[in-house]
Amino acid sequence: AEPVAAATTIPDAETPPAPAAPPEPVEPNLDTPVMVENGTATELLAGLTAQFLFDSGFTAVWAGDSEEPSPATVIYDSSGNPSTAEHLADLLGLETSAIIQREGNGDIVVVIGDDFPQTPEPASTPEP
């Protein structure tokens, strides 16, 4: 018996995967609960900051004192939407390096520290 030649096929070159589309930008969620804690000796700073955030469009903002003094301002973000914390940092004149992502209940806690860049001014209302 003569040997039978086996046909070999060359596999088609694999098609490279299509490049991933950039993620859609996520809008900040202004309904995210925000707690502002004053970690400084400046009285009423948390309340003024909370009012500023409310005037800037955030709908659920509370103020109180931090349990301990804080040398640095920190934003603890458990909202699940990083653009919300980034928007908050921008409003407060903070770098995004002040944001610390953490597990939690879907809120954001701002602890105002001694390095807080400014006392927030109330958002201006447009003239009619």
Protein backbone atom coordinates (compact mmCIF):
# COMPACT_ATOMS: atom_id res chain seq x y z
CA ALA A 1 0.00 0.00 0.00
CA GLU A 2 1.22 3.41 -0.84
CA PRO A 3 1.32 6.03 1.89
CA VAL A 4 -1.41 8.60 1.60
CA ALA A 5 -0.28 12.18 1.82
CA ALA A 6 -2.12 14.15 4.45
CA ALA A 7 -3.18 17.56 3.39
CA THR A 8 -2.09 20.30 5.68
CA THR A 9 -3.68 23.66 5.79
CA ILE A 10 -2.17 26.87 6.93
CA PRO A 11 -4.46 28.50 9.45
CA ASP A 12 -5.69 31.94 8.56
CA ALA A 13 -3.78 34.66 10.26
CA GLU A 14 -5.65 35.73 13.35
CA THR A 15 -7.47 38.99 13.00
CA PRO A 16 -6.20 41.38 15.67
CA PRO A 17 -8.88 42.51 18.08
CA ALA A 18 -10.40 45.89 17.41
CA PRO A 19 -9.05 48.59 19.68
CA ALA A 20 -11.25 49.19 22.69
CA ALA A 21 -13.34 52.31 22.45
CA PRO A 22 -12.46 54.86 25.09
CA PRO A 23 -14.85 54.70 28.02
CA GLU A 24 -17.73 57.11 27.89
CA PRO A 25 -17.11 60.02 30.24
CA VAL A 26 -19.20 59.67 33.35
CA GLU A 27 -20.91 62.80 34.62
CA PRO A 28 -20.52 63.72 38.28
CA ASN A 29 -23.50 62.64 40.36
CA LEU A 30 -24.52 65.75 42.33
CA ASP A 31 -27.02 63.66 44.33
CA THR A 32 -24.15 61.75 45.99
CA PRO A 33 -24.26 62.29 49.79
CA VAL A 34 -21.32 64.48 50.89
CA MET A 35 -20.22 64.89 54.52
CA VAL A 36 -17.87 67.81 55.19
CA GLU A 37 -15.84 67.53 58.40
CA ASN A 38 -13.80 70.39 59.85
CA GLY A 39 -10.37 69.19 60.95
CA THR A 40 -9.07 72.71 61.58
CA ALA A 41 -9.34 75.30 64.36
CA THR A 42 -11.28 77.64 62.04
CA GLU A 43 -14.84 77.74 63.33
CA LEU A 44 -17.73 77.20 60.91
CA LEU A 45 -15.45 76.14 58.06
CA ALA A 46 -17.32 72.88 57.46
CA GLY A 47 -20.66 74.69 57.40
CA LEU A 48 -19.42 77.33 54.98
CA THR A 49 -17.91 74.66 52.75
CA ALA A 50 -21.09 72.56 52.85
CA GLN A 51 -23.16 75.59 51.89
CA PHE A 52 -20.74 76.34 49.03
CA LEU A 53 -21.12 72.76 47.73
CA PHE A 54 -24.91 72.96 48.04
CA ASP A 55 -24.90 76.29 46.16
CA SER A 56 -22.68 74.61 43.53
CA GLY A 57 -25.32 71.96 42.81
CA PHE A 58 -24.76 69.13 45.30
CA THR A 59 -28.11 68.17 46.78
CA ALA A 60 -27.21 66.12 49.89
CA VAL A 61 -24.52 67.87 51.93
CA TRP A 62 -23.93 67.78 55.70
CA ALA A 63 -21.35 69.45 57.92
CA GLY A 64 -19.73 68.56 61.22
CA ASP A 65 -16.47 68.54 63.10
CA SER A 66 -13.80 65.92 62.56
CA GLU A 67 -12.95 63.76 65.56
CA GLU A 68 -9.27 64.65 65.14
CA PRO A 69 -7.33 67.61 63.74
CA SER A 70 -6.14 67.10 60.19
CA PRO A 71 -3.00 68.66 58.70
CA ALA A 72 -4.09 67.79 55.15
CA THR A 73 -7.44 67.98 53.38
CA VAL A 74 -8.62 64.57 52.18
CA ILE A 75 -11.60 63.42 50.11
CA TYR A 76 -12.65 59.85 50.94
CA ASP A 77 -14.62 58.56 47.96
CA SER A 78 -16.83 55.50 48.18
CA SER A 79 -19.33 56.84 45.63
CA GLY A 80 -18.34 54.45 42.85
CA ASN A 81 -18.15 57.42 40.46
CA PRO A 82 -14.64 58.93 40.50
CA SER A 83 -15.75 61.90 38.39
CA THR A 84 -17.94 63.06 41.30
CA ALA A 85 -14.96 63.25 43.68
CA GLU A 86 -12.85 64.87 40.95
CA HIS A 87 -15.54 67.53 40.42
CA LEU A 88 -15.67 68.10 44.17
CA ALA A 89 -11.88 68.47 44.36
CA ASP A 90 -11.97 70.95 41.47
CA LEU A 91 -14.69 73.04 43.16
CA LEU A 92 -12.65 73.15 46.38
CA GLY A 93 -9.37 74.02 44.65
CA LEU A 94 -7.78 70.68 45.54
CA GLU A 95 -5.54 68.39 43.52
CA THR A 96 -6.94 64.98 42.59
CA SER A 97 -4.15 63.49 44.73
CA ALA A 98 -6.31 64.49 47.75
CA ILE A 99 -8.86 61.82 46.71
CA ILE A 100 -8.64 58.42 48.40
CA GLN A 101 -10.84 55.69 46.95
CA ARG A 102 -12.31 53.32 49.54
CA GLU A 103 -15.05 50.80 50.08
CA GLY A 104 -18.11 52.20 51.73
CA ASN A 105 -21.73 53.08 51.49
CA GLY A 106 -21.68 55.23 48.34
CA ASP A 107 -20.89 58.59 49.85
CA ILE A 108 -18.04 61.08 49.92
CA VAL A 109 -16.43 62.45 53.09
CA VAL A 110 -14.34 65.62 52.88
CA VAL A 111 -12.05 66.19 55.87
CA ILE A 112 -10.86 69.79 55.78
CA GLY A 113 -7.27 70.10 56.91
CA ASP A 114 -4.92 72.94 57.77
CA ASP A 115 -3.78 73.05 54.12
CA PHE A 116 -7.29 73.91 52.87
CA PRO A 117 -6.60 76.37 50.03
CA GLN A 118 -9.31 78.91 50.76
CA THR A 119 -12.52 79.69 52.51
CA PRO A 120 -15.10 78.95 49.81
CA GLU A 121 -17.10 81.83 48.47
CA PRO A 122 -20.82 81.34 47.85
CA ALA A 123 -21.60 80.45 44.25
CA SER A 124 -22.82 83.48 42.38
CA THR A 125 -26.36 83.46 41.14
CA PRO A 126 -26.97 84.74 37.63
CA GLU A 127 -28.74 88.06 37.28
CA PRO A 128 -32.24 87.80 35.76
